[in-house]
Amino acid sequence: MKKKFVAINYINCKPHYRERFEQLFATRAGAIDRIPGFKHMEVLRPTKNNDNYLIVSHWESEENFKTWTKSPEFIEGHKRGFEDIKLAKEKGEEPPMSSDFKTYEIIAR
């Protein structure tokens, strides 16, 4: 039996970028929805401004998640955010956001 799998992306946004970040998710491409094994996703806003946003994606397996991270759909889904980071770097500024993925197996519900 395959174990259910969760990936959590911890997103740190600069204060001036928070509204833009939320707008990106409000108008997301939905590319992840086309990946086999993707179940659903939650986007969690921190209750304190200095905390990270959490993007929690649920998958049938780790293999499905890894397929997503190497897919054209991954690039499509992150294109606008990647462009914002690139633009900041071109201006000599710090990126407006950073991320750190951590992965988990679900062992109980």
N, C-alpha and C. Protein backbone atom coordinates (compact mmCIF):
# COMPACT_ATOMS: atom_id res chain seq x y z
N MET A 1 0.83 -1.18 0.00
CA MET A 1 0.00 0.00 0.00
C MET A 1 0.88 1.25 0.00
N LYS A 2 0.58 2.19 -0.89
CA LYS A 2 1.32 3.44 -0.94
C LYS A 2 0.95 4.31 0.25
N LYS A 3 1.95 4.97 0.80
CA LYS A 3 1.70 5.91 1.88
C LYS A 3 1.33 7.26 1.26
N LYS A 4 0.36 7.92 1.85
CA LYS A 4 0.00 9.27 1.40
C LYS A 4 1.15 10.20 1.75
N PHE A 5 1.31 11.22 0.95
CA PHE A 5 2.49 12.07 1.01
C PHE A 5 2.07 13.54 1.02
N VAL A 6 2.76 14.34 1.80
CA VAL A 6 2.49 15.77 1.89
C VAL A 6 3.78 16.54 1.69
N ALA A 7 3.71 17.59 0.90
CA ALA A 7 4.83 18.52 0.75
C ALA A 7 4.38 19.87 1.30
N ILE A 8 5.21 20.47 2.12
CA ILE A 8 4.90 21.78 2.67
C ILE A 8 6.00 22.74 2.22
N ASN A 9 5.57 23.80 1.56
CA ASN A 9 6.49 24.83 1.11
C ASN A 9 6.35 26.00 2.07
N TYR A 10 7.41 26.31 2.78
CA TYR A 10 7.44 27.42 3.72
C TYR A 10 7.90 28.64 2.94
N ILE A 11 7.02 29.63 2.77
CA ILE A 11 7.30 30.81 1.97
C ILE A 11 7.49 32.02 2.88
N ASN A 12 8.65 32.64 2.77
CA ASN A 12 8.92 33.86 3.51
C ASN A 12 8.80 35.02 2.52
N CYS A 13 7.86 35.93 2.77
CA CYS A 13 7.64 37.09 1.89
C CYS A 13 8.09 38.36 2.59
N LYS A 14 8.73 39.22 1.83
CA LYS A 14 9.02 40.57 2.31
C LYS A 14 7.67 41.25 2.53
N PRO A 15 7.57 42.12 3.54
CA PRO A 15 6.27 42.76 3.84
C PRO A 15 5.62 43.42 2.62
N HIS A 16 6.40 44.08 1.78
CA HIS A 16 5.83 44.76 0.62
C HIS A 16 5.30 43.79 -0.45
N TYR A 17 5.66 42.52 -0.35
CA TYR A 17 5.30 41.52 -1.37
C TYR A 17 4.11 40.65 -0.97
N ARG A 18 3.68 40.74 0.26
CA ARG A 18 2.63 39.84 0.76
C ARG A 18 1.34 39.93 -0.06
N GLU A 19 0.91 41.14 -0.37
CA GLU A 19 -0.33 41.29 -1.14
C GLU A 19 -0.17 40.68 -2.54
N ARG A 20 0.97 40.90 -3.17
CA ARG A 20 1.24 40.33 -4.49
C ARG A 20 1.25 38.80 -4.42
N PHE A 21 1.89 38.26 -3.39
CA PHE A 21 1.96 36.81 -3.22
C PHE A 21 0.55 36.22 -3.13
N GLU A 22 -0.30 36.83 -2.32
CA GLU A 22 -1.66 36.33 -2.18
C GLU A 22 -2.44 36.45 -3.49
N GLN A 23 -2.18 37.51 -4.25
CA GLN A 23 -2.84 37.70 -5.54
C GLN A 23 -2.41 36.60 -6.51
N LEU A 24 -1.13 36.21 -6.47
CA LEU A 24 -0.66 35.14 -7.34
C LEU A 24 -1.44 33.85 -7.09
N PHE A 25 -1.69 33.54 -5.82
CA PHE A 25 -2.44 32.31 -5.53
C PHE A 25 -3.92 32.47 -5.84
N ALA A 26 -4.46 33.66 -5.68
CA ALA A 26 -5.87 33.88 -5.99
C ALA A 26 -6.15 33.71 -7.47
N THR A 27 -5.11 33.91 -8.29
CA THR A 27 -5.27 33.81 -9.74
C THR A 27 -4.35 32.73 -10.32
N ARG A 28 -4.12 31.68 -9.55
CA ARG A 28 -3.15 30.66 -9.94
C ARG A 28 -3.55 29.95 -11.23
N ALA A 29 -2.55 29.44 -11.91
CA ALA A 29 -2.75 28.78 -13.20
C ALA A 29 -3.50 27.45 -13.07
N GLY A 30 -3.41 26.80 -11.93
CA GLY A 30 -4.05 25.49 -11.77
C GLY A 30 -3.28 24.36 -12.41
N ALA A 31 -2.03 24.61 -12.77
CA ALA A 31 -1.23 23.60 -13.46
C ALA A 31 -1.02 22.35 -12.62
N ILE A 32 -0.88 22.51 -11.32
CA ILE A 32 -0.66 21.37 -10.43
C ILE A 32 -1.84 20.40 -10.48
N ASP A 33 -3.02 20.93 -10.74
CA ASP A 33 -4.23 20.11 -10.77
C ASP A 33 -4.20 19.04 -11.87
N ARG A 34 -3.33 19.22 -12.86
CA ARG A 34 -3.23 18.27 -13.98
C ARG A 34 -2.23 17.15 -13.73
N ILE A 35 -1.53 17.20 -12.62
CA ILE A 35 -0.48 16.21 -12.35
C ILE A 35 -1.09 14.96 -11.71
N PRO A 36 -0.84 13.78 -12.28
CA PRO A 36 -1.34 12.55 -11.67
C PRO A 36 -0.84 12.42 -10.23
N GLY A 37 -1.75 12.01 -9.36
CA GLY A 37 -1.41 11.79 -7.97
C GLY A 37 -1.60 13.00 -7.08
N PHE A 38 -1.85 14.19 -7.66
CA PHE A 38 -2.13 15.37 -6.86
C PHE A 38 -3.53 15.25 -6.28
N LYS A 39 -3.67 15.51 -4.99
CA LYS A 39 -4.97 15.40 -4.33
C LYS A 39 -5.60 16.77 -4.09
N HIS A 40 -4.95 17.59 -3.31
CA HIS A 40 -5.44 18.94 -3.05
C HIS A 40 -4.34 19.76 -2.38
N MET A 41 -4.64 21.04 -2.21
CA MET A 41 -3.66 21.96 -1.66
C MET A 41 -4.36 22.98 -0.76
N GLU A 42 -3.66 23.40 0.28
CA GLU A 42 -4.10 24.51 1.12
C GLU A 42 -3.00 25.57 1.11
N VAL A 43 -3.41 26.82 1.08
CA VAL A 43 -2.48 27.94 1.22
C VAL A 43 -2.84 28.61 2.54
N LEU A 44 -1.89 28.60 3.47
CA LEU A 44 -2.15 29.12 4.81
C LEU A 44 -1.43 30.45 5.02
N ARG A 45 -2.21 31.46 5.40
CA ARG A 45 -1.66 32.79 5.69
C ARG A 45 -1.26 32.84 7.16
N PRO A 46 -0.08 33.36 7.46
CA PRO A 46 0.33 33.46 8.85
C PRO A 46 -0.52 34.50 9.59
N THR A 47 -0.74 34.25 10.85
CA THR A 47 -1.49 35.22 11.66
C THR A 47 -0.58 36.31 12.22
N LYS A 48 0.73 36.09 12.13
CA LYS A 48 1.70 37.11 12.50
C LYS A 48 2.49 37.44 11.24
N ASN A 49 2.69 38.73 10.99
CA ASN A 49 3.31 39.17 9.73
C ASN A 49 4.70 38.63 9.49
N ASN A 50 5.43 38.27 10.51
CA ASN A 50 6.80 37.79 10.30
C ASN A 50 6.89 36.28 10.12
N ASP A 51 5.76 35.60 10.16
CA ASP A 51 5.76 34.15 9.96
C ASP A 51 5.65 33.80 8.49
N ASN A 52 5.94 32.55 8.18
CA ASN A 52 5.88 32.06 6.80
C ASN A 52 4.45 31.71 6.39
N TYR A 53 4.19 31.89 5.10
CA TYR A 53 3.02 31.25 4.50
C TYR A 53 3.36 29.77 4.37
N LEU A 54 2.34 28.92 4.44
CA LEU A 54 2.55 27.49 4.22
C LEU A 54 1.69 27.07 3.04
N ILE A 55 2.32 26.41 2.09
CA ILE A 55 1.60 25.81 0.97
C ILE A 55 1.66 24.31 1.20
N VAL A 56 0.53 23.72 1.52
CA VAL A 56 0.47 22.30 1.88
C VAL A 56 -0.19 21.55 0.73
N SER A 57 0.60 20.72 0.06
CA SER A 57 0.04 19.93 -1.05
C SER A 57 0.02 18.46 -0.68
N HIS A 58 -1.09 17.81 -0.99
CA HIS A 58 -1.32 16.40 -0.67
C HIS A 58 -1.21 15.58 -1.95
N TRP A 59 -0.51 14.46 -1.85
CA TRP A 59 -0.19 13.62 -3.00
C TRP A 59 -0.45 12.16 -2.68
N GLU A 60 -0.63 11.37 -3.72
CA GLU A 60 -0.74 9.92 -3.55
C GLU A 60 0.61 9.33 -3.16
N SER A 61 1.71 9.91 -3.67
CA SER A 61 3.02 9.33 -3.39
C SER A 61 4.11 10.39 -3.54
N GLU A 62 5.26 10.10 -3.00
CA GLU A 62 6.42 10.98 -3.17
C GLU A 62 6.82 11.04 -4.64
N GLU A 63 6.68 9.94 -5.35
CA GLU A 63 7.02 9.92 -6.77
C GLU A 63 6.16 10.91 -7.56
N ASN A 64 4.85 10.99 -7.23
CA ASN A 64 3.99 11.96 -7.90
C ASN A 64 4.47 13.38 -7.63
N PHE A 65 4.84 13.66 -6.40
CA PHE A 65 5.35 15.00 -6.05
C PHE A 65 6.63 15.31 -6.82
N LYS A 66 7.56 14.36 -6.87
CA LYS A 66 8.82 14.58 -7.59
C LYS A 66 8.57 14.81 -9.08
N THR A 67 7.60 14.10 -9.64
CA THR A 67 7.24 14.31 -11.04
C THR A 67 6.78 15.76 -11.24
N TRP A 68 5.96 16.25 -10.32
CA TRP A 68 5.50 17.65 -10.38
C TRP A 68 6.67 18.63 -10.39
N THR A 69 7.65 18.43 -9.52
CA THR A 69 8.74 19.40 -9.40
C THR A 69 9.63 19.45 -10.63
N LYS A 70 9.55 18.43 -11.48
CA LYS A 70 10.38 18.38 -12.69
C LYS A 70 9.56 18.59 -13.96
N SER A 71 8.31 18.99 -13.81
CA SER A 71 7.40 19.05 -14.95
C SER A 71 7.28 20.46 -15.54
N PRO A 72 6.83 20.53 -16.80
CA PRO A 72 6.52 21.83 -17.40
C PRO A 72 5.40 22.55 -16.61
N GLU A 73 4.51 21.77 -16.02
CA GLU A 73 3.43 22.36 -15.22
C GLU A 73 3.97 23.09 -13.99
N PHE A 74 5.07 22.57 -13.42
CA PHE A 74 5.70 23.24 -12.28
C PHE A 74 6.18 24.63 -12.70
N ILE A 75 6.86 24.69 -13.84
CA ILE A 75 7.34 25.97 -14.37
C ILE A 75 6.16 26.89 -14.65
N GLU A 76 5.12 26.37 -15.27
CA GLU A 76 3.93 27.17 -15.56
C GLU A 76 3.30 27.71 -14.29
N GLY A 77 3.20 26.87 -13.27
CA GLY A 77 2.56 27.27 -12.03
C GLY A 77 3.34 28.30 -11.23
N HIS A 78 4.64 28.35 -11.44
CA HIS A 78 5.49 29.27 -10.67
C HIS A 78 6.05 30.42 -11.51
N LYS A 79 5.66 30.49 -12.76
CA LYS A 79 6.25 31.44 -13.71
C LYS A 79 6.22 32.89 -13.21
N ARG A 80 5.08 33.35 -12.73
CA ARG A 80 4.98 34.75 -12.33
C ARG A 80 5.84 35.05 -11.11
N GLY A 81 5.86 34.15 -10.15
CA GLY A 81 6.71 34.33 -8.98
C GLY A 81 8.19 34.31 -9.34
N PHE A 82 8.57 33.38 -10.23
CA PHE A 82 9.96 33.32 -10.69
C PHE A 82 10.34 34.62 -11.41
N GLU A 83 9.40 35.18 -12.18
CA GLU A 83 9.66 36.44 -12.88
C GLU A 83 9.87 37.58 -11.89
N ASP A 84 9.08 37.61 -10.81
CA ASP A 84 9.25 38.64 -9.79
C ASP A 84 10.62 38.55 -9.13
N ILE A 85 11.07 37.33 -8.86
CA ILE A 85 12.38 37.12 -8.24
C ILE A 85 13.48 37.57 -9.21
N LYS A 86 13.35 37.19 -10.47
CA LYS A 86 14.34 37.58 -11.48
C LYS A 86 14.43 39.09 -11.61
N LEU A 87 13.29 39.77 -11.64
CA LEU A 87 13.25 41.22 -11.76
C LEU A 87 13.95 41.89 -10.57
N ALA A 88 13.70 41.40 -9.38
CA ALA A 88 14.35 41.95 -8.19
C ALA A 88 15.86 41.79 -8.29
N LYS A 89 16.32 40.62 -8.70
CA LYS A 89 17.76 40.38 -8.84
C LYS A 89 18.37 41.30 -9.88
N GLU A 90 17.67 41.52 -11.00
CA GLU A 90 18.16 42.42 -12.05
C GLU A 90 18.31 43.85 -11.53
N LYS A 91 17.45 44.23 -10.57
CA LYS A 91 17.51 45.56 -9.98
C LYS A 91 18.53 45.64 -8.84
N GLY A 92 19.17 44.51 -8.53
CA GLY A 92 20.12 44.48 -7.43
C GLY A 92 19.46 44.41 -6.07
N GLU A 93 18.19 44.01 -6.04
CA GLU A 93 17.44 43.91 -4.78
C GLU A 93 17.41 42.46 -4.31
N GLU A 94 17.10 42.31 -3.04
CA GLU A 94 16.87 40.96 -2.51
C GLU A 94 15.59 40.41 -3.11
N PRO A 95 15.51 39.11 -3.30
CA PRO A 95 14.25 38.52 -3.79
C PRO A 95 13.10 38.87 -2.83
N PRO A 96 11.91 39.09 -3.38
CA PRO A 96 10.77 39.45 -2.53
C PRO A 96 10.23 38.29 -1.71
N MET A 97 10.66 37.07 -2.06
CA MET A 97 10.23 35.89 -1.31
C MET A 97 11.29 34.81 -1.44
N SER A 98 11.24 33.88 -0.51
CA SER A 98 12.09 32.69 -0.57
C SER A 98 11.25 31.52 -0.10
N SER A 99 11.69 30.31 -0.46
CA SER A 99 10.91 29.15 -0.08
C SER A 99 11.80 28.01 0.37
N ASP A 100 11.21 27.12 1.13
CA ASP A 100 11.89 25.94 1.63
C ASP A 100 10.88 24.80 1.68
N PHE A 101 11.07 23.79 0.83
CA PHE A 101 10.18 22.62 0.81
C PHE A 101 10.60 21.62 1.87
N LYS A 102 9.62 21.05 2.55
CA LYS A 102 9.85 19.91 3.43
C LYS A 102 8.76 18.89 3.09
N THR A 103 9.10 17.63 3.21
CA THR A 103 8.15 16.59 2.82
C THR A 103 7.89 15.65 3.99
N TYR A 104 6.68 15.06 3.96
CA TYR A 104 6.20 14.23 5.06
C TYR A 104 5.36 13.08 4.54
N GLU A 105 5.36 11.98 5.26
CA GLU A 105 4.41 10.90 5.05
C GLU A 105 3.31 11.05 6.09
N ILE A 106 2.09 10.82 5.70
CA ILE A 106 0.97 10.85 6.65
C ILE A 106 0.91 9.51 7.36
N ILE A 107 1.02 9.52 8.66
CA ILE A 107 0.97 8.27 9.42
C ILE A 107 -0.30 8.11 10.23
N ALA A 108 -1.07 9.20 10.40
CA ALA A 108 -2.33 9.11 11.14
C ALA A 108 -3.21 10.29 10.72
N ARG A 109 -4.52 10.09 10.85
CA ARG A 109 -5.50 11.16 10.60
C ARG A 109 -6.41 11.27 11.76
